[in-house]
């Protein structure tokens, strides 16, 4: 009847097993958390809801298109993506790929600018076409396209 506490080891191995299991689970969770922190981007570049632009005037010739754009939103527009194609096309080619940025400071609210776009891309613009304008804002070093502020206007060049 005089047994020592150290000689009865029936429950010790189960305690060691559970302790090791908990340590392994915590270690794996720390590794997964660290991996996901690196993998997931910190903040997504978003476009404000109050971005709004208007096409005031469009004139076209065989060699170039002149578009007057007015910023009627509350934020500065840093870039404009212009696409031109037939009305029935869903995807239109970009016509100002060399100059999407609007100067150094962008287009401030309440200001307008005239974009002169040379048409050397081989796009046939004779007849009725659709001109699509999509504003973008700069977020860090990238542009964030404003999907909710796309403007489409019918254009007929002769």
N, C-alpha and C. Protein backbone atom coordinates (compact mmCIF):
# COMPACT_ATOMS: atom_id res chain seq x y z
N UNK A 1 0.80 -1.20 0.00
CA UNK A 1 0.00 0.00 0.00
C UNK A 1 0.84 1.26 0.00
N UNK A 2 2.03 1.13 0.24
CA UNK A 2 2.89 2.28 0.31
C UNK A 2 3.55 2.52 -1.05
N UNK A 3 2.76 2.97 -2.02
CA UNK A 3 3.29 3.20 -3.37
C UNK A 3 3.71 4.66 -3.50
N UNK A 4 4.73 4.84 -4.21
CA UNK A 4 5.23 6.18 -4.45
C UNK A 4 4.47 6.82 -5.63
N UNK A 5 4.42 8.12 -5.63
CA UNK A 5 3.76 8.83 -6.73
C UNK A 5 4.51 8.66 -8.04
N UNK A 6 5.80 8.47 -7.98
CA UNK A 6 6.60 8.39 -9.19
C UNK A 6 6.57 7.02 -9.85
N UNK A 7 6.13 6.03 -9.16
CA UNK A 7 6.11 4.68 -9.74
C UNK A 7 4.81 4.40 -10.48
N UNK A 8 3.74 5.16 -10.23
CA UNK A 8 2.46 4.97 -10.91
C UNK A 8 2.38 5.96 -12.07
N UNK A 9 2.81 5.55 -13.28
CA UNK A 9 2.92 6.44 -14.44
C UNK A 9 1.84 6.17 -15.48
N UNK A 10 0.69 5.71 -15.11
CA UNK A 10 -0.33 5.36 -16.09
C UNK A 10 -0.92 6.59 -16.79
N UNK A 11 -1.09 7.71 -16.16
CA UNK A 11 -1.70 8.89 -16.75
C UNK A 11 -0.72 9.89 -17.32
N UNK A 12 0.55 9.70 -17.07
CA UNK A 12 1.57 10.66 -17.50
C UNK A 12 1.71 10.65 -19.02
N UNK A 13 1.69 9.50 -19.67
CA UNK A 13 1.89 9.44 -21.11
C UNK A 13 0.73 10.11 -21.86
N UNK A 14 -0.48 9.99 -21.34
CA UNK A 14 -1.61 10.66 -21.97
C UNK A 14 -1.48 12.17 -21.83
N UNK A 15 -1.03 12.65 -20.69
CA UNK A 15 -0.84 14.09 -20.49
C UNK A 15 0.24 14.64 -21.43
N UNK A 16 1.33 13.89 -21.59
CA UNK A 16 2.39 14.31 -22.50
C UNK A 16 1.87 14.34 -23.93
N UNK A 17 1.08 13.35 -24.32
CA UNK A 17 0.53 13.30 -25.67
C UNK A 17 -0.39 14.49 -25.94
N UNK A 18 -1.28 14.81 -25.00
CA UNK A 18 -2.17 15.95 -25.17
C UNK A 18 -1.41 17.27 -25.21
N UNK A 19 -0.40 17.39 -24.38
CA UNK A 19 0.41 18.61 -24.38
C UNK A 19 1.13 18.79 -25.70
N UNK A 20 1.72 17.72 -26.23
CA UNK A 20 2.39 17.79 -27.53
C UNK A 20 1.40 18.11 -28.64
N UNK A 21 0.22 17.53 -28.57
CA UNK A 21 -0.81 17.79 -29.58
C UNK A 21 -1.23 19.26 -29.57
N UNK A 22 -1.39 19.84 -28.40
CA UNK A 22 -1.76 21.26 -28.30
C UNK A 22 -0.64 22.15 -28.81
N UNK A 23 0.61 21.82 -28.48
CA UNK A 23 1.75 22.61 -28.94
C UNK A 23 1.86 22.55 -30.46
N UNK A 24 1.66 21.38 -31.05
CA UNK A 24 1.73 21.24 -32.51
C UNK A 24 0.59 22.04 -33.17
N UNK A 25 -0.62 21.97 -32.61
CA UNK A 25 -1.75 22.70 -33.18
C UNK A 25 -1.53 24.21 -33.12
N UNK A 26 -1.02 24.72 -32.01
CA UNK A 26 -0.75 26.15 -31.89
C UNK A 26 0.36 26.56 -32.86
N UNK A 27 1.39 25.75 -32.99
CA UNK A 27 2.48 26.05 -33.93
C UNK A 27 2.00 26.11 -35.37
N UNK A 28 1.16 25.16 -35.77
CA UNK A 28 0.63 25.16 -37.14
C UNK A 28 -0.27 26.37 -37.36
N UNK A 29 -1.08 26.72 -36.37
CA UNK A 29 -1.96 27.88 -36.53
C UNK A 29 -1.16 29.17 -36.65
N UNK A 30 -0.06 29.29 -35.93
CA UNK A 30 0.80 30.48 -36.05
C UNK A 30 1.42 30.53 -37.44
N UNK A 31 1.86 29.41 -37.97
CA UNK A 31 2.43 29.38 -39.32
C UNK A 31 1.39 29.75 -40.37
N UNK A 32 0.18 29.21 -40.26
CA UNK A 32 -0.88 29.53 -41.22
C UNK A 32 -1.25 31.00 -41.14
N UNK A 33 -1.37 31.55 -39.95
CA UNK A 33 -1.71 32.96 -39.77
C UNK A 33 -0.64 33.86 -40.40
N UNK A 34 0.63 33.55 -40.17
CA UNK A 34 1.72 34.34 -40.74
C UNK A 34 1.71 34.25 -42.26
N UNK A 35 1.49 33.07 -42.80
CA UNK A 35 1.43 32.88 -44.25
C UNK A 35 0.29 33.69 -44.85
N UNK A 36 -0.87 33.68 -44.23
CA UNK A 36 -2.02 34.42 -44.75
C UNK A 36 -1.82 35.93 -44.64
N UNK A 37 -1.12 36.39 -43.62
CA UNK A 37 -0.84 37.82 -43.50
C UNK A 37 0.04 38.30 -44.65
N UNK A 38 0.97 37.47 -45.09
CA UNK A 38 1.83 37.83 -46.21
C UNK A 38 1.08 37.71 -47.53
N UNK A 39 0.23 36.70 -47.64
CA UNK A 39 -0.46 36.41 -48.89
C UNK A 39 -1.55 37.41 -49.21
N UNK A 40 -2.34 37.81 -48.26
CA UNK A 40 -3.47 38.70 -48.47
C UNK A 40 -2.98 40.14 -48.57
N UNK A 41 -3.42 40.90 -49.59
CA UNK A 41 -2.98 42.29 -49.69
C UNK A 41 -3.51 43.13 -48.53
N UNK A 42 -2.76 44.16 -48.19
CA UNK A 42 -3.10 44.98 -47.03
C UNK A 42 -4.40 45.75 -47.26
N UNK A 43 -4.47 46.51 -48.34
CA UNK A 43 -5.69 47.23 -48.65
C UNK A 43 -5.89 47.23 -50.16
N UNK A 44 -7.12 47.11 -50.55
CA UNK A 44 -7.44 47.04 -51.96
C UNK A 44 -7.64 48.46 -52.48
N UNK A 45 -7.07 48.72 -53.64
CA UNK A 45 -7.26 50.02 -54.25
C UNK A 45 -8.69 50.12 -54.73
N UNK A 46 -9.41 51.10 -54.23
CA UNK A 46 -10.81 51.27 -54.59
C UNK A 46 -11.04 52.65 -55.16
N UNK A 47 -12.08 52.75 -55.92
CA UNK A 47 -12.49 54.02 -56.51
C UNK A 47 -13.64 54.58 -55.68
N UNK A 48 -13.57 55.86 -55.30
CA UNK A 48 -14.67 56.44 -54.52
C UNK A 48 -15.98 56.44 -55.31
N UNK A 49 -17.10 56.36 -54.60
CA UNK A 49 -18.40 56.32 -55.26
C UNK A 49 -18.78 57.65 -55.90
N UNK A 50 -18.19 58.73 -55.45
CA UNK A 50 -18.58 60.04 -55.96
C UNK A 50 -17.71 60.52 -57.12
N UNK A 51 -17.00 59.60 -57.77
CA UNK A 51 -16.28 59.94 -59.00
C UNK A 51 -17.30 60.03 -60.13
N UNK A 52 -17.26 61.13 -60.87
CA UNK A 52 -18.21 61.31 -61.97
C UNK A 52 -17.59 62.22 -63.01
N UNK A 53 -17.66 61.80 -64.26
CA UNK A 53 -17.16 62.60 -65.37
C UNK A 53 -18.24 62.67 -66.44
N UNK A 54 -18.18 63.72 -67.24
CA UNK A 54 -19.13 63.91 -68.32
C UNK A 54 -18.38 64.25 -69.59
N UNK A 55 -18.85 63.72 -70.70
CA UNK A 55 -18.31 64.09 -72.00
C UNK A 55 -19.11 65.30 -72.49
N UNK A 56 -18.45 66.46 -72.57
CA UNK A 56 -19.13 67.67 -73.01
C UNK A 56 -19.22 67.75 -74.53
N UNK A 57 -18.15 67.40 -75.21
CA UNK A 57 -18.11 67.54 -76.66
C UNK A 57 -17.19 66.48 -77.24
N UNK A 58 -17.58 65.97 -78.40
CA UNK A 58 -16.74 65.02 -79.13
C UNK A 58 -16.73 65.44 -80.59
N UNK A 59 -15.54 65.54 -81.14
CA UNK A 59 -15.41 65.78 -82.57
C UNK A 59 -14.37 64.81 -83.11
N UNK A 60 -14.61 64.35 -84.32
CA UNK A 60 -13.68 63.36 -84.86
C UNK A 60 -13.40 63.65 -86.32
N UNK A 61 -12.23 63.23 -86.72
CA UNK A 61 -11.83 63.26 -88.12
C UNK A 61 -11.22 61.90 -88.42
N UNK A 62 -10.64 61.76 -89.57
CA UNK A 62 -10.05 60.47 -89.93
C UNK A 62 -8.82 60.18 -89.09
N UNK A 63 -8.07 61.24 -88.70
CA UNK A 63 -6.80 61.05 -88.01
C UNK A 63 -6.86 61.17 -86.50
N UNK A 64 -7.85 61.90 -85.96
CA UNK A 64 -7.88 62.09 -84.51
C UNK A 64 -9.29 62.31 -83.99
N UNK A 65 -9.42 62.11 -82.68
CA UNK A 65 -10.67 62.37 -81.97
C UNK A 65 -10.37 63.38 -80.87
N UNK A 66 -11.19 64.41 -80.76
CA UNK A 66 -11.08 65.40 -79.70
C UNK A 66 -12.25 65.20 -78.75
N UNK A 67 -11.95 64.96 -77.48
CA UNK A 67 -12.98 64.71 -76.48
C UNK A 67 -12.81 65.74 -75.36
N UNK A 68 -13.88 66.48 -75.06
CA UNK A 68 -13.87 67.41 -73.94
C UNK A 68 -14.54 66.73 -72.76
N UNK A 69 -13.78 66.57 -71.67
CA UNK A 69 -14.25 65.85 -70.49
C UNK A 69 -14.34 66.83 -69.32
N UNK A 70 -15.44 66.75 -68.57
CA UNK A 70 -15.66 67.60 -67.40
C UNK A 70 -15.79 66.72 -66.16
N UNK A 71 -15.07 67.08 -65.10
CA UNK A 71 -15.13 66.33 -63.84
C UNK A 71 -16.21 66.95 -62.97
N UNK A 72 -17.33 66.25 -62.83
CA UNK A 72 -18.42 66.76 -61.99
C UNK A 72 -18.50 66.02 -60.65
N UNK A 73 -17.49 65.25 -60.33
CA UNK A 73 -17.46 64.51 -59.07
C UNK A 73 -16.79 65.31 -57.97
N UNK A 74 -16.51 64.64 -56.87
CA UNK A 74 -15.90 65.28 -55.70
C UNK A 74 -14.41 64.99 -55.55
N UNK A 75 -13.87 64.11 -56.39
CA UNK A 75 -12.46 63.72 -56.29
C UNK A 75 -11.75 64.00 -57.61
N UNK A 76 -10.44 64.12 -57.53
CA UNK A 76 -9.62 64.33 -58.72
C UNK A 76 -9.53 63.04 -59.52
N UNK A 77 -9.71 63.16 -60.82
CA UNK A 77 -9.56 62.02 -61.72
C UNK A 77 -8.13 62.04 -62.23
N UNK A 78 -7.40 60.95 -62.03
CA UNK A 78 -5.99 60.90 -62.41
C UNK A 78 -5.76 60.33 -63.79
N UNK A 79 -6.67 59.52 -64.29
CA UNK A 79 -6.51 58.91 -65.60
C UNK A 79 -7.87 58.67 -66.23
N UNK A 80 -7.87 58.66 -67.57
CA UNK A 80 -9.09 58.35 -68.32
C UNK A 80 -8.76 57.29 -69.35
N UNK A 81 -9.55 56.26 -69.38
CA UNK A 81 -9.40 55.19 -70.37
C UNK A 81 -10.51 55.36 -71.40
N UNK A 82 -10.12 55.61 -72.65
CA UNK A 82 -11.09 55.79 -73.74
C UNK A 82 -11.07 54.56 -74.64
N UNK A 83 -12.25 54.04 -74.90
CA UNK A 83 -12.39 52.88 -75.78
C UNK A 83 -13.37 53.24 -76.89
N UNK A 84 -13.08 52.78 -78.09
CA UNK A 84 -13.92 53.10 -79.23
C UNK A 84 -14.14 51.84 -80.04
N UNK A 85 -15.39 51.63 -80.43
CA UNK A 85 -15.73 50.46 -81.24
C UNK A 85 -17.17 50.54 -81.69
N UNK A 86 -17.58 49.57 -82.45
CA UNK A 86 -18.96 49.56 -82.92
C UNK A 86 -19.91 49.34 -81.75
N UNK A 87 -21.15 49.80 -81.92
CA UNK A 87 -22.11 49.79 -80.82
C UNK A 87 -22.44 48.38 -80.33
N UNK A 88 -22.39 47.41 -81.23
CA UNK A 88 -22.79 46.05 -80.84
C UNK A 88 -21.69 45.27 -80.14
N UNK A 89 -20.48 45.79 -80.11
CA UNK A 89 -19.38 45.11 -79.42
C UNK A 89 -19.43 45.37 -77.92
N UNK A 90 -19.22 44.33 -77.14
CA UNK A 90 -19.15 44.51 -75.68
C UNK A 90 -17.76 44.96 -75.25
N UNK A 91 -16.73 44.42 -75.88
CA UNK A 91 -15.35 44.78 -75.55
C UNK A 91 -14.81 45.65 -76.68
N UNK A 92 -14.39 46.85 -76.30
CA UNK A 92 -13.89 47.81 -77.28
C UNK A 92 -12.40 48.04 -77.05
N UNK A 93 -11.64 48.30 -78.12
CA UNK A 93 -10.20 48.52 -77.94
C UNK A 93 -9.90 49.89 -77.33
N UNK A 94 -8.85 49.94 -76.55
CA UNK A 94 -8.39 51.17 -75.91
C UNK A 94 -7.72 52.04 -76.97
N UNK A 95 -8.11 53.31 -77.06
CA UNK A 95 -7.54 54.18 -78.09
C UNK A 95 -6.51 55.16 -77.54
N UNK A 96 -6.41 55.30 -76.24
CA UNK A 96 -5.42 56.23 -75.67
C UNK A 96 -4.44 55.48 -74.76
N UNK A 97 -3.93 54.38 -75.22
CA UNK A 97 -3.06 53.55 -74.38
C UNK A 97 -1.75 54.24 -74.03
N UNK A 98 -1.28 55.17 -74.85
CA UNK A 98 -0.02 55.87 -74.55
C UNK A 98 -0.20 56.99 -73.54
N UNK A 99 -1.41 57.53 -73.44
CA UNK A 99 -1.59 58.71 -72.59
C UNK A 99 -2.88 58.61 -71.78
N UNK A 100 -2.94 57.67 -70.86
CA UNK A 100 -4.14 57.55 -70.01
C UNK A 100 -4.11 58.55 -68.86
N UNK A 101 -2.93 58.97 -68.44
CA UNK A 101 -2.82 59.92 -67.33
C UNK A 101 -3.20 61.32 -67.79
N UNK A 102 -3.76 62.10 -66.87
CA UNK A 102 -4.16 63.48 -67.18
C UNK A 102 -3.19 64.42 -66.47
N UNK A 103 -2.11 64.75 -67.12
CA UNK A 103 -1.13 65.69 -66.56
C UNK A 103 -0.51 65.22 -65.26
N UNK A 104 0.09 66.16 -64.55
CA UNK A 104 0.75 65.85 -63.28
C UNK A 104 -0.23 65.73 -62.12
N UNK A 105 -1.22 66.63 -62.09
CA UNK A 105 -2.13 66.69 -60.94
C UNK A 105 -3.51 66.11 -61.21
N UNK A 106 -3.75 65.62 -62.40
CA UNK A 106 -5.05 65.06 -62.72
C UNK A 106 -6.07 66.13 -63.05
N UNK A 107 -7.32 65.72 -63.13
CA UNK A 107 -8.44 66.61 -63.45
C UNK A 107 -9.22 66.86 -62.17
N UNK A 108 -9.08 68.08 -61.64
CA UNK A 108 -9.71 68.44 -60.36
C UNK A 108 -11.22 68.58 -60.54
N UNK A 109 -11.97 68.48 -59.45
CA UNK A 109 -13.43 68.66 -59.54
C UNK A 109 -13.79 70.04 -60.08
N UNK A 110 -14.74 70.07 -61.00
CA UNK A 110 -15.18 71.33 -61.60
C UNK A 110 -14.36 71.79 -62.77
N UNK A 111 -13.34 71.05 -63.17
CA UNK A 111 -12.50 71.43 -64.30
C UNK A 111 -12.80 70.55 -65.50
N UNK A 112 -12.41 71.05 -66.67
CA UNK A 112 -12.57 70.27 -67.89
C UNK A 112 -11.24 70.25 -68.64
N UNK A 113 -11.10 69.30 -69.52
CA UNK A 113 -9.90 69.17 -70.33
C UNK A 113 -10.27 68.63 -71.70
N UNK A 114 -9.44 68.94 -72.68
CA UNK A 114 -9.65 68.44 -74.03
C UNK A 114 -8.58 67.40 -74.30
N UNK A 115 -9.01 66.21 -74.64
CA UNK A 115 -8.10 65.11 -74.98
C UNK A 115 -8.05 64.98 -76.49
N UNK A 116 -6.85 65.08 -77.04
CA UNK A 116 -6.66 64.91 -78.48
C UNK A 116 -5.98 63.56 -78.69
N UNK A 117 -6.71 62.65 -79.29
CA UNK A 117 -6.22 61.29 -79.43
C UNK A 117 -5.99 60.99 -80.90
N UNK A 118 -4.73 60.76 -81.29
CA UNK A 118 -4.48 60.37 -82.69
C UNK A 118 -4.94 58.94 -82.93
N UNK A 119 -5.52 58.72 -84.08
CA UNK A 119 -6.02 57.38 -84.42
C UNK A 119 -5.06 56.70 -85.38
N UNK A 120 -4.00 56.20 -84.87
CA UNK A 120 -3.05 55.45 -85.68
C UNK A 120 -3.09 53.97 -85.33
N UNK A 121 -4.15 53.55 -84.68
CA UNK A 121 -4.24 52.17 -84.22
C UNK A 121 -4.92 51.25 -85.23
N UNK A 122 -5.36 51.80 -86.37
CA UNK A 122 -6.02 50.97 -87.36
C UNK A 122 -7.48 50.72 -87.07
N UNK A 123 -8.09 51.52 -86.20
CA UNK A 123 -9.50 51.36 -85.88
C UNK A 123 -10.31 52.12 -86.92
N UNK A 124 -11.24 51.44 -87.55
CA UNK A 124 -12.11 52.08 -88.52
C UNK A 124 -13.21 52.82 -87.77
N UNK A 125 -13.26 54.15 -87.94
CA UNK A 125 -14.24 54.93 -87.19
C UNK A 125 -15.33 55.51 -88.08
N UNK A 126 -15.36 55.13 -89.34
CA UNK A 126 -16.39 55.63 -90.23
C UNK A 126 -17.71 54.99 -89.85
N UNK A 127 -18.75 55.80 -89.76
CA UNK A 127 -20.06 55.29 -89.38
C UNK A 127 -20.33 55.53 -87.91
N UNK A 128 -21.34 54.84 -87.41
CA UNK A 128 -21.77 55.03 -86.03
C UNK A 128 -20.98 54.12 -85.10
N UNK A 129 -20.36 54.73 -84.10
CA UNK A 129 -19.54 54.00 -83.13
C UNK A 129 -19.97 54.37 -81.72
N UNK A 130 -19.41 53.66 -80.76
CA UNK A 130 -19.67 53.92 -79.36
C UNK A 130 -18.36 54.29 -78.68
N UNK A 131 -18.34 55.45 -78.04
CA UNK A 131 -17.17 55.92 -77.30
C UNK A 131 -17.42 55.68 -75.82
N UNK A 132 -16.49 54.99 -75.19
CA UNK A 132 -16.63 54.64 -73.78
C UNK A 132 -15.52 55.31 -73.00
N UNK A 133 -15.87 56.00 -71.92
CA UNK A 133 -14.91 56.70 -71.08
C UNK A 133 -14.98 56.12 -69.67
N UNK A 134 -13.82 55.71 -69.15
CA UNK A 134 -13.77 55.14 -67.80
C UNK A 134 -12.71 55.88 -66.99
N UNK A 135 -13.13 56.61 -65.95
CA UNK A 135 -12.15 57.31 -65.11
C UNK A 135 -11.41 56.35 -64.18
N UNK A 136 -10.26 56.82 -63.70
CA UNK A 136 -9.45 56.04 -62.75
C UNK A 136 -8.77 57.00 -61.79
N UNK A 137 -8.55 56.54 -60.57
CA UNK A 137 -7.84 57.32 -59.57
C UNK A 137 -6.57 56.59 -59.17
N UNK A 138 -5.57 57.37 -58.77
CA UNK A 138 -4.30 56.77 -58.36
C UNK A 138 -4.38 56.38 -56.89
N UNK A 139 -4.00 55.14 -56.64
CA UNK A 139 -3.93 54.63 -55.28
C UNK A 139 -2.55 54.02 -55.11
N UNK A 140 -1.74 54.69 -54.34
CA UNK A 140 -0.31 54.36 -54.20
C UNK A 140 0.35 54.49 -55.56
N UNK A 141 0.85 53.40 -56.13
CA UNK A 141 1.53 53.47 -57.42
C UNK A 141 0.70 52.89 -58.56
N UNK A 142 -0.55 52.57 -58.29
CA UNK A 142 -1.39 51.94 -59.31
C UNK A 142 -2.66 52.76 -59.52
N UNK A 143 -3.28 52.49 -60.66
CA UNK A 143 -4.57 53.11 -60.95
C UNK A 143 -5.68 52.15 -60.55
N UNK A 144 -6.73 52.72 -60.01
CA UNK A 144 -7.92 51.96 -59.66
C UNK A 144 -9.03 52.40 -60.61
N UNK A 145 -9.49 51.47 -61.44
CA UNK A 145 -10.53 51.80 -62.40
C UNK A 145 -11.87 51.95 -61.71
N UNK A 146 -12.64 52.92 -62.15
CA UNK A 146 -13.96 53.18 -61.58
C UNK A 146 -15.01 52.49 -62.45
N UNK A 147 -15.38 51.28 -62.06
CA UNK A 147 -16.34 50.51 -62.84
C UNK A 147 -17.74 51.10 -62.78
N UNK A 148 -18.04 51.83 -61.73
CA UNK A 148 -19.38 52.39 -61.57
C UNK A 148 -19.54 53.75 -62.25
N UNK A 149 -18.50 54.28 -62.89
CA UNK A 149 -18.56 55.61 -63.49
C UNK A 149 -18.26 55.58 -64.99
N UNK A 150 -18.54 54.48 -65.65
CA UNK A 150 -18.28 54.36 -67.09
C UNK A 150 -19.35 55.12 -67.85
N UNK A 151 -18.91 55.94 -68.81
CA UNK A 151 -19.82 56.73 -69.64
C UNK A 151 -19.73 56.21 -71.07
N UNK A 152 -20.87 56.05 -71.70
CA UNK A 152 -20.91 55.62 -73.10
C UNK A 152 -21.65 56.67 -73.90
N UNK A 153 -21.07 57.01 -75.04
CA UNK A 153 -21.70 58.01 -75.91
C UNK A 153 -21.59 57.55 -77.36
N UNK A 154 -22.68 57.74 -78.09
CA UNK A 154 -22.69 57.38 -79.51
C UNK A 154 -21.95 58.46 -80.29
N UNK A 155 -21.15 58.01 -81.24
CA UNK A 155 -20.29 58.90 -82.00
C UNK A 155 -20.40 58.53 -83.47
N UNK A 156 -20.62 59.53 -84.32
CA UNK A 156 -20.69 59.28 -85.75
C UNK A 156 -19.66 60.13 -86.45
N UNK A 157 -18.69 59.47 -87.07
CA UNK A 157 -17.62 60.16 -87.79
C UNK A 157 -17.83 60.00 -89.28
N UNK A 158 -17.47 61.04 -90.01
CA UNK A 158 -17.62 61.00 -91.48
C UNK A 158 -16.31 61.24 -92.14
